[in-house]
Amino acid sequence: MGGARLRGDRVTRLRRAAGQRQVDLAARLGTREQRVGEWERGTQQPHPRQLVALARELQVPPLKLLDVDADDPPLQALRLAAGLTLQEMATASGIAFSTYRRLEVGAVRGAPSPLTLQMLSVALQVAPERVAAAVARSASAPA
């Protein structure tokens, strides 16, 4: 599966710059040292809530840990940076899961309605214009 992914090399660099060991970071996050190592090697991806906690511990915005342009991210990256799973996003925005999923993978023709953008904006806690740009970016992203 494609999409926004954690950049393990960035996690490693930021952790080391902060003078932390994997075991220290794991303890702060309430996970195992092995899990942090898997994230750093890119063999596993953190749960969205763990991504947010990881970014907080490393003192960077969550988007800076992902392999996306933080200034022009796709919709999936905004969702991950908000710490939400697909289902949580659909529930929080009041949009049907299947509709939200199609928006995230760029399978919807045309721009979403202003109401849909507003609902997504509230759930993601970002401006509707940023959501509109993220949806457009998702639609133009290679499969």
N, C-alpha and C. Protein backbone atom coordinates (compact mmCIF):
# COMPACT_ATOMS: atom_id res chain seq x y z
N MET A 1 0.83 -1.18 0.00
CA MET A 1 0.00 0.00 0.00
C MET A 1 0.87 1.24 0.00
N GLY A 2 0.52 2.21 -0.81
CA GLY A 2 1.26 3.46 -0.88
C GLY A 2 0.77 4.43 0.17
N GLY A 3 1.05 5.69 -0.04
CA GLY A 3 0.56 6.71 0.86
C GLY A 3 1.65 7.22 1.79
N ALA A 4 1.22 8.08 2.69
CA ALA A 4 2.14 8.71 3.63
C ALA A 4 2.69 7.67 4.59
N ARG A 5 4.00 7.68 4.74
CA ARG A 5 4.66 6.73 5.64
C ARG A 5 5.66 7.46 6.53
N LEU A 6 5.86 6.90 7.70
CA LEU A 6 6.85 7.43 8.62
C LEU A 6 8.23 7.29 8.01
N ARG A 7 9.02 8.33 8.13
CA ARG A 7 10.43 8.28 7.69
C ARG A 7 11.27 7.89 8.89
N GLY A 8 11.64 6.62 8.94
CA GLY A 8 12.42 6.11 10.06
C GLY A 8 13.74 6.80 10.24
N ASP A 9 14.37 7.19 9.13
CA ASP A 9 15.65 7.88 9.23
C ASP A 9 15.51 9.23 9.94
N ARG A 10 14.38 9.89 9.74
CA ARG A 10 14.15 11.16 10.43
C ARG A 10 13.96 10.92 11.92
N VAL A 11 13.24 9.87 12.26
CA VAL A 11 13.03 9.53 13.68
C VAL A 11 14.38 9.26 14.33
N THR A 12 15.20 8.46 13.68
CA THR A 12 16.52 8.14 14.23
C THR A 12 17.35 9.40 14.43
N ARG A 13 17.39 10.24 13.39
CA ARG A 13 18.18 11.47 13.47
C ARG A 13 17.70 12.38 14.60
N LEU A 14 16.39 12.58 14.69
CA LEU A 14 15.83 13.46 15.73
C LEU A 14 16.03 12.87 17.13
N ARG A 15 15.86 11.56 17.25
CA ARG A 15 16.05 10.92 18.55
C ARG A 15 17.48 11.07 19.02
N ARG A 16 18.41 10.81 18.11
CA ARG A 16 19.83 10.93 18.47
C ARG A 16 20.21 12.36 18.79
N ALA A 17 19.68 13.31 18.02
CA ALA A 17 19.97 14.72 18.27
C ALA A 17 19.47 15.15 19.65
N ALA A 18 18.40 14.51 20.11
CA ALA A 18 17.86 14.81 21.43
C ALA A 18 18.59 14.04 22.53
N GLY A 19 19.56 13.21 22.14
CA GLY A 19 20.33 12.45 23.12
C GLY A 19 19.55 11.31 23.75
N GLN A 20 18.55 10.81 23.03
CA GLN A 20 17.72 9.72 23.56
C GLN A 20 18.13 8.38 22.96
N ARG A 21 17.99 7.36 23.76
CA ARG A 21 18.14 5.99 23.27
C ARG A 21 16.76 5.47 22.89
N GLN A 22 16.72 4.42 22.08
CA GLN A 22 15.43 3.83 21.71
C GLN A 22 14.64 3.43 22.95
N VAL A 23 15.31 2.87 23.92
CA VAL A 23 14.63 2.41 25.12
C VAL A 23 14.01 3.59 25.88
N ASP A 24 14.69 4.74 25.89
CA ASP A 24 14.15 5.93 26.56
C ASP A 24 12.91 6.43 25.85
N LEU A 25 13.00 6.53 24.53
CA LEU A 25 11.87 7.00 23.74
C LEU A 25 10.69 6.04 23.88
N ALA A 26 10.96 4.76 23.84
CA ALA A 26 9.90 3.77 23.98
C ALA A 26 9.19 3.91 25.32
N ALA A 27 9.96 4.12 26.37
CA ALA A 27 9.36 4.27 27.70
C ALA A 27 8.45 5.49 27.75
N ARG A 28 8.88 6.59 27.15
CA ARG A 28 8.06 7.81 27.13
C ARG A 28 6.77 7.62 26.33
N LEU A 29 6.84 6.75 25.32
CA LEU A 29 5.68 6.51 24.45
C LEU A 29 4.80 5.36 24.94
N GLY A 30 5.27 4.65 25.96
CA GLY A 30 4.50 3.52 26.47
C GLY A 30 4.49 2.33 25.52
N THR A 31 5.61 2.14 24.83
CA THR A 31 5.73 1.01 23.91
C THR A 31 7.06 0.30 24.16
N ARG A 32 7.34 -0.69 23.36
CA ARG A 32 8.58 -1.46 23.52
C ARG A 32 9.71 -0.85 22.70
N GLU A 33 10.94 -1.04 23.17
CA GLU A 33 12.12 -0.60 22.43
C GLU A 33 12.14 -1.22 21.04
N GLN A 34 11.72 -2.47 20.93
CA GLN A 34 11.68 -3.16 19.64
C GLN A 34 10.79 -2.42 18.65
N ARG A 35 9.66 -1.89 19.13
CA ARG A 35 8.72 -1.17 18.26
C ARG A 35 9.38 0.09 17.70
N VAL A 36 10.08 0.83 18.54
CA VAL A 36 10.77 2.03 18.07
C VAL A 36 11.80 1.65 17.01
N GLY A 37 12.52 0.58 17.23
CA GLY A 37 13.49 0.10 16.24
C GLY A 37 12.82 -0.26 14.93
N GLU A 38 11.65 -0.88 14.99
CA GLU A 38 10.92 -1.23 13.77
C GLU A 38 10.49 0.03 13.02
N TRP A 39 10.05 1.04 13.74
CA TRP A 39 9.69 2.31 13.09
C TRP A 39 10.92 2.93 12.42
N GLU A 40 12.03 2.92 13.13
CA GLU A 40 13.24 3.53 12.58
C GLU A 40 13.75 2.78 11.36
N ARG A 41 13.59 1.48 11.34
CA ARG A 41 14.02 0.68 10.18
C ARG A 41 12.99 0.69 9.05
N GLY A 42 11.79 1.16 9.35
CA GLY A 42 10.74 1.20 8.34
C GLY A 42 10.03 -0.11 8.13
N THR A 43 10.16 -1.04 9.08
CA THR A 43 9.49 -2.33 8.92
C THR A 43 8.08 -2.32 9.49
N GLN A 44 7.77 -1.34 10.32
CA GLN A 44 6.43 -1.15 10.88
C GLN A 44 6.09 0.33 10.88
N GLN A 45 4.80 0.61 10.85
CA GLN A 45 4.32 1.99 10.93
C GLN A 45 3.58 2.17 12.25
N PRO A 46 3.73 3.32 12.89
CA PRO A 46 3.02 3.54 14.15
C PRO A 46 1.53 3.78 13.91
N HIS A 47 0.74 3.48 14.91
CA HIS A 47 -0.67 3.85 14.91
C HIS A 47 -0.71 5.38 14.82
N PRO A 48 -1.74 5.95 14.21
CA PRO A 48 -1.78 7.42 14.11
C PRO A 48 -1.62 8.14 15.45
N ARG A 49 -2.22 7.63 16.53
CA ARG A 49 -2.04 8.29 17.83
C ARG A 49 -0.58 8.21 18.29
N GLN A 50 0.09 7.10 17.97
CA GLN A 50 1.50 6.97 18.33
C GLN A 50 2.35 7.94 17.51
N LEU A 51 1.96 8.18 16.26
CA LEU A 51 2.68 9.14 15.43
C LEU A 51 2.65 10.52 16.08
N VAL A 52 1.48 10.93 16.54
CA VAL A 52 1.34 12.23 17.20
C VAL A 52 2.18 12.29 18.47
N ALA A 53 2.13 11.23 19.27
CA ALA A 53 2.93 11.19 20.51
C ALA A 53 4.42 11.19 20.19
N LEU A 54 4.82 10.47 19.16
CA LEU A 54 6.22 10.43 18.73
C LEU A 54 6.69 11.82 18.32
N ALA A 55 5.89 12.49 17.53
CA ALA A 55 6.24 13.86 17.10
C ALA A 55 6.36 14.80 18.30
N ARG A 56 5.45 14.65 19.25
CA ARG A 56 5.50 15.49 20.45
C ARG A 56 6.80 15.25 21.21
N GLU A 57 7.17 13.98 21.38
CA GLU A 57 8.41 13.64 22.09
C GLU A 57 9.65 14.17 21.36
N LEU A 58 9.60 14.16 20.02
CA LEU A 58 10.74 14.62 19.23
C LEU A 58 10.67 16.12 18.93
N GLN A 59 9.60 16.75 19.40
CA GLN A 59 9.40 18.19 19.29
C GLN A 59 9.38 18.69 17.85
N VAL A 60 8.61 17.96 17.02
CA VAL A 60 8.38 18.37 15.63
C VAL A 60 6.91 18.15 15.29
N PRO A 61 6.39 18.87 14.29
CA PRO A 61 5.02 18.58 13.85
C PRO A 61 4.96 17.19 13.23
N PRO A 62 3.86 16.46 13.43
CA PRO A 62 3.76 15.10 12.88
C PRO A 62 4.05 15.02 11.38
N LEU A 63 3.64 16.01 10.62
CA LEU A 63 3.88 15.97 9.17
C LEU A 63 5.37 15.91 8.83
N LYS A 64 6.22 16.44 9.71
CA LYS A 64 7.66 16.43 9.47
C LYS A 64 8.26 15.04 9.59
N LEU A 65 7.51 14.10 10.18
CA LEU A 65 7.99 12.73 10.31
C LEU A 65 7.56 11.85 9.14
N LEU A 66 6.71 12.37 8.28
CA LEU A 66 6.18 11.58 7.17
C LEU A 66 6.93 11.89 5.88
N ASP A 67 6.81 10.99 4.92
CA ASP A 67 7.50 11.15 3.64
C ASP A 67 6.65 11.95 2.64
N VAL A 68 6.16 13.09 3.11
CA VAL A 68 5.33 13.97 2.28
C VAL A 68 5.88 15.39 2.38
N ASP A 69 5.45 16.23 1.47
CA ASP A 69 5.75 17.66 1.56
C ASP A 69 4.86 18.22 2.65
N ALA A 70 5.43 18.60 3.77
CA ALA A 70 4.66 19.09 4.91
C ALA A 70 3.87 20.36 4.58
N ASP A 71 4.29 21.09 3.57
CA ASP A 71 3.59 22.31 3.18
C ASP A 71 2.44 22.03 2.21
N ASP A 72 2.43 20.85 1.59
CA ASP A 72 1.39 20.49 0.62
C ASP A 72 1.08 19.00 0.73
N PRO A 73 0.60 18.57 1.90
CA PRO A 73 0.39 17.14 2.12
C PRO A 73 -0.91 16.63 1.49
N PRO A 74 -0.95 15.33 1.19
CA PRO A 74 -2.22 14.73 0.77
C PRO A 74 -3.13 14.54 2.00
N LEU A 75 -4.37 14.22 1.73
CA LEU A 75 -5.36 14.07 2.79
C LEU A 75 -4.96 13.02 3.81
N GLN A 76 -4.42 11.90 3.37
CA GLN A 76 -4.02 10.85 4.31
C GLN A 76 -3.02 11.39 5.33
N ALA A 77 -2.07 12.19 4.89
CA ALA A 77 -1.07 12.73 5.80
C ALA A 77 -1.70 13.66 6.83
N LEU A 78 -2.67 14.47 6.41
CA LEU A 78 -3.36 15.32 7.39
C LEU A 78 -4.09 14.48 8.43
N ARG A 79 -4.70 13.39 7.97
CA ARG A 79 -5.41 12.50 8.91
C ARG A 79 -4.43 11.87 9.89
N LEU A 80 -3.33 11.36 9.38
CA LEU A 80 -2.33 10.75 10.26
C LEU A 80 -1.78 11.77 11.25
N ALA A 81 -1.51 12.98 10.78
CA ALA A 81 -0.98 14.04 11.65
C ALA A 81 -1.99 14.45 12.72
N ALA A 82 -3.27 14.21 12.45
CA ALA A 82 -4.31 14.47 13.45
C ALA A 82 -4.47 13.30 14.41
N GLY A 83 -3.76 12.20 14.15
CA GLY A 83 -3.81 11.04 15.03
C GLY A 83 -5.05 10.18 14.85
N LEU A 84 -5.65 10.22 13.66
CA LEU A 84 -6.90 9.51 13.42
C LEU A 84 -6.76 8.35 12.46
N THR A 85 -7.42 7.24 12.76
CA THR A 85 -7.53 6.14 11.81
C THR A 85 -8.58 6.52 10.77
N LEU A 86 -8.69 5.71 9.73
CA LEU A 86 -9.73 5.95 8.72
C LEU A 86 -11.11 5.98 9.36
N GLN A 87 -11.41 4.99 10.18
CA GLN A 87 -12.73 4.93 10.81
C GLN A 87 -12.96 6.11 11.74
N GLU A 88 -11.97 6.46 12.53
CA GLU A 88 -12.10 7.61 13.43
C GLU A 88 -12.34 8.89 12.65
N MET A 89 -11.66 9.02 11.52
CA MET A 89 -11.84 10.22 10.69
C MET A 89 -13.25 10.28 10.13
N ALA A 90 -13.74 9.17 9.63
CA ALA A 90 -15.10 9.14 9.09
C ALA A 90 -16.10 9.50 10.19
N THR A 91 -15.93 8.93 11.36
CA THR A 91 -16.83 9.21 12.47
C THR A 91 -16.74 10.66 12.90
N ALA A 92 -15.52 11.17 13.08
CA ALA A 92 -15.33 12.54 13.54
C ALA A 92 -15.86 13.57 12.56
N SER A 93 -15.79 13.27 11.27
CA SER A 93 -16.24 14.22 10.26
C SER A 93 -17.71 14.06 9.91
N GLY A 94 -18.30 12.93 10.29
CA GLY A 94 -19.69 12.68 9.94
C GLY A 94 -19.88 12.29 8.49
N ILE A 95 -18.79 11.86 7.86
CA ILE A 95 -18.82 11.46 6.45
C ILE A 95 -18.76 9.93 6.41
N ALA A 96 -19.51 9.34 5.51
CA ALA A 96 -19.50 7.88 5.38
C ALA A 96 -18.07 7.39 5.16
N PHE A 97 -17.74 6.27 5.78
CA PHE A 97 -16.40 5.70 5.67
C PHE A 97 -16.00 5.55 4.21
N SER A 98 -16.86 4.96 3.40
CA SER A 98 -16.51 4.72 1.99
C SER A 98 -16.28 6.02 1.23
N THR A 99 -17.05 7.04 1.54
CA THR A 99 -16.86 8.35 0.89
C THR A 99 -15.53 8.95 1.30
N TYR A 100 -15.25 8.91 2.61
CA TYR A 100 -13.98 9.46 3.08
C TYR A 100 -12.81 8.71 2.44
N ARG A 101 -12.89 7.40 2.42
CA ARG A 101 -11.81 6.58 1.85
C ARG A 101 -11.57 6.96 0.38
N ARG A 102 -12.65 7.16 -0.38
CA ARG A 102 -12.48 7.55 -1.78
C ARG A 102 -11.82 8.93 -1.89
N LEU A 103 -12.16 9.84 -1.00
CA LEU A 103 -11.50 11.14 -1.00
C LEU A 103 -10.00 10.98 -0.73
N GLU A 104 -9.67 10.14 0.24
CA GLU A 104 -8.27 9.98 0.63
C GLU A 104 -7.42 9.35 -0.46
N VAL A 105 -7.99 8.43 -1.21
CA VAL A 105 -7.22 7.77 -2.26
C VAL A 105 -7.37 8.47 -3.61
N GLY A 106 -8.09 9.58 -3.64
CA GLY A 106 -8.21 10.35 -4.87
C GLY A 106 -9.15 9.75 -5.89
N ALA A 107 -10.13 8.98 -5.41
CA ALA A 107 -11.05 8.29 -6.33
C ALA A 107 -12.39 9.02 -6.48
N VAL A 108 -12.43 10.30 -6.14
CA VAL A 108 -13.65 11.08 -6.27
C VAL A 108 -13.45 12.12 -7.36
N ARG A 109 -14.40 12.19 -8.26
CA ARG A 109 -14.31 13.19 -9.33
C ARG A 109 -14.81 14.54 -8.82
N GLY A 110 -14.10 15.56 -9.19
CA GLY A 110 -14.51 16.90 -8.80
C GLY A 110 -14.15 17.22 -7.36
N ALA A 111 -14.35 18.45 -7.01
CA ALA A 111 -14.03 18.92 -5.66
C ALA A 111 -15.19 18.61 -4.71
N PRO A 112 -14.87 18.33 -3.47
CA PRO A 112 -15.93 18.11 -2.48
C PRO A 112 -16.72 19.40 -2.26
N SER A 113 -17.92 19.26 -1.76
CA SER A 113 -18.77 20.42 -1.49
C SER A 113 -18.16 21.25 -0.36
N PRO A 114 -18.52 22.53 -0.28
CA PRO A 114 -18.05 23.36 0.84
C PRO A 114 -18.42 22.75 2.20
N LEU A 115 -19.59 22.14 2.29
CA LEU A 115 -19.99 21.52 3.55
C LEU A 115 -19.07 20.36 3.90
N THR A 116 -18.76 19.52 2.93
CA THR A 116 -17.84 18.40 3.16
C THR A 116 -16.47 18.91 3.59
N LEU A 117 -15.98 19.93 2.92
CA LEU A 117 -14.68 20.51 3.30
C LEU A 117 -14.72 21.04 4.72
N GLN A 118 -15.82 21.67 5.10
CA GLN A 118 -15.94 22.20 6.45
C GLN A 118 -15.96 21.07 7.48
N MET A 119 -16.68 19.99 7.18
CA MET A 119 -16.75 18.85 8.09
C MET A 119 -15.36 18.22 8.27
N LEU A 120 -14.64 18.08 7.18
CA LEU A 120 -13.27 17.54 7.25
C LEU A 120 -12.36 18.50 8.01
N SER A 121 -12.52 19.78 7.76
CA SER A 121 -11.70 20.79 8.41
C SER A 121 -11.85 20.74 9.93
N VAL A 122 -13.07 20.60 10.39
CA VAL A 122 -13.32 20.54 11.83
C VAL A 122 -12.66 19.29 12.42
N ALA A 123 -12.84 18.15 11.77
CA ALA A 123 -12.26 16.90 12.27
C ALA A 123 -10.74 16.93 12.29
N LEU A 124 -10.14 17.55 11.26
CA LEU A 124 -8.68 17.60 11.15
C LEU A 124 -8.06 18.79 11.88
N GLN A 125 -8.90 19.73 12.28
CA GLN A 125 -8.46 20.95 12.96
C GLN A 125 -7.49 21.76 12.10
N VAL A 126 -7.83 21.87 10.81
CA VAL A 126 -7.07 22.71 9.88
C VAL A 126 -8.07 23.50 9.05
N ALA A 127 -7.59 24.53 8.37
CA ALA A 127 -8.46 25.38 7.56
C ALA A 127 -9.06 24.61 6.38
N PRO A 128 -10.30 24.96 6.00
CA PRO A 128 -10.92 24.30 4.84
C PRO A 128 -10.08 24.40 3.57
N GLU A 129 -9.36 25.48 3.40
CA GLU A 129 -8.51 25.65 2.22
C GLU A 129 -7.38 24.62 2.22
N ARG A 130 -6.86 24.33 3.39
CA ARG A 130 -5.79 23.32 3.48
C ARG A 130 -6.36 21.93 3.17
N VAL A 131 -7.58 21.67 3.60
CA VAL A 131 -8.24 20.40 3.30
C VAL A 131 -8.48 20.29 1.80
N ALA A 132 -8.98 21.38 1.18
CA ALA A 132 -9.23 21.37 -0.27
C ALA A 132 -7.95 21.08 -1.03
N ALA A 133 -6.85 21.71 -0.61
CA ALA A 133 -5.56 21.47 -1.28
C ALA A 133 -5.11 20.03 -1.08
N ALA A 134 -5.34 19.48 0.11
CA ALA A 134 -4.94 18.09 0.40
C ALA A 134 -5.76 17.11 -0.43
N VAL A 135 -7.05 17.38 -0.59
CA VAL A 135 -7.90 16.51 -1.42
C VAL A 135 -7.42 16.57 -2.86
N ALA A 136 -7.12 17.78 -3.35
CA ALA A 136 -6.61 17.92 -4.72
C ALA A 136 -5.28 17.20 -4.88
N ARG A 137 -4.42 17.30 -3.87
CA ARG A 137 -3.12 16.62 -3.90
C ARG A 137 -3.31 15.11 -3.94
N SER A 138 -4.28 14.62 -3.17
CA SER A 138 -4.57 13.18 -3.15
C SER A 138 -5.04 12.71 -4.52
N ALA A 139 -5.84 13.52 -5.17
CA ALA A 139 -6.37 13.16 -6.49
C ALA A 139 -5.29 13.16 -7.55
N SER A 140 -4.25 13.95 -7.36
CA SER A 140 -3.18 14.03 -8.36
C SER A 140 -2.00 13.12 -8.05
N ALA A 141 -2.03 12.47 -6.87
CA ALA A 141 -0.92 11.61 -6.46
C ALA A 141 -0.91 10.34 -7.31
N PRO A 142 0.28 9.86 -7.65
CA PRO A 142 0.36 8.59 -8.38
C PRO A 142 -0.15 7.43 -7.53
N ALA A 143 -0.75 6.48 -8.18
CA ALA A 143 -1.32 5.33 -7.45
C ALA A 143 -0.25 4.40 -6.94
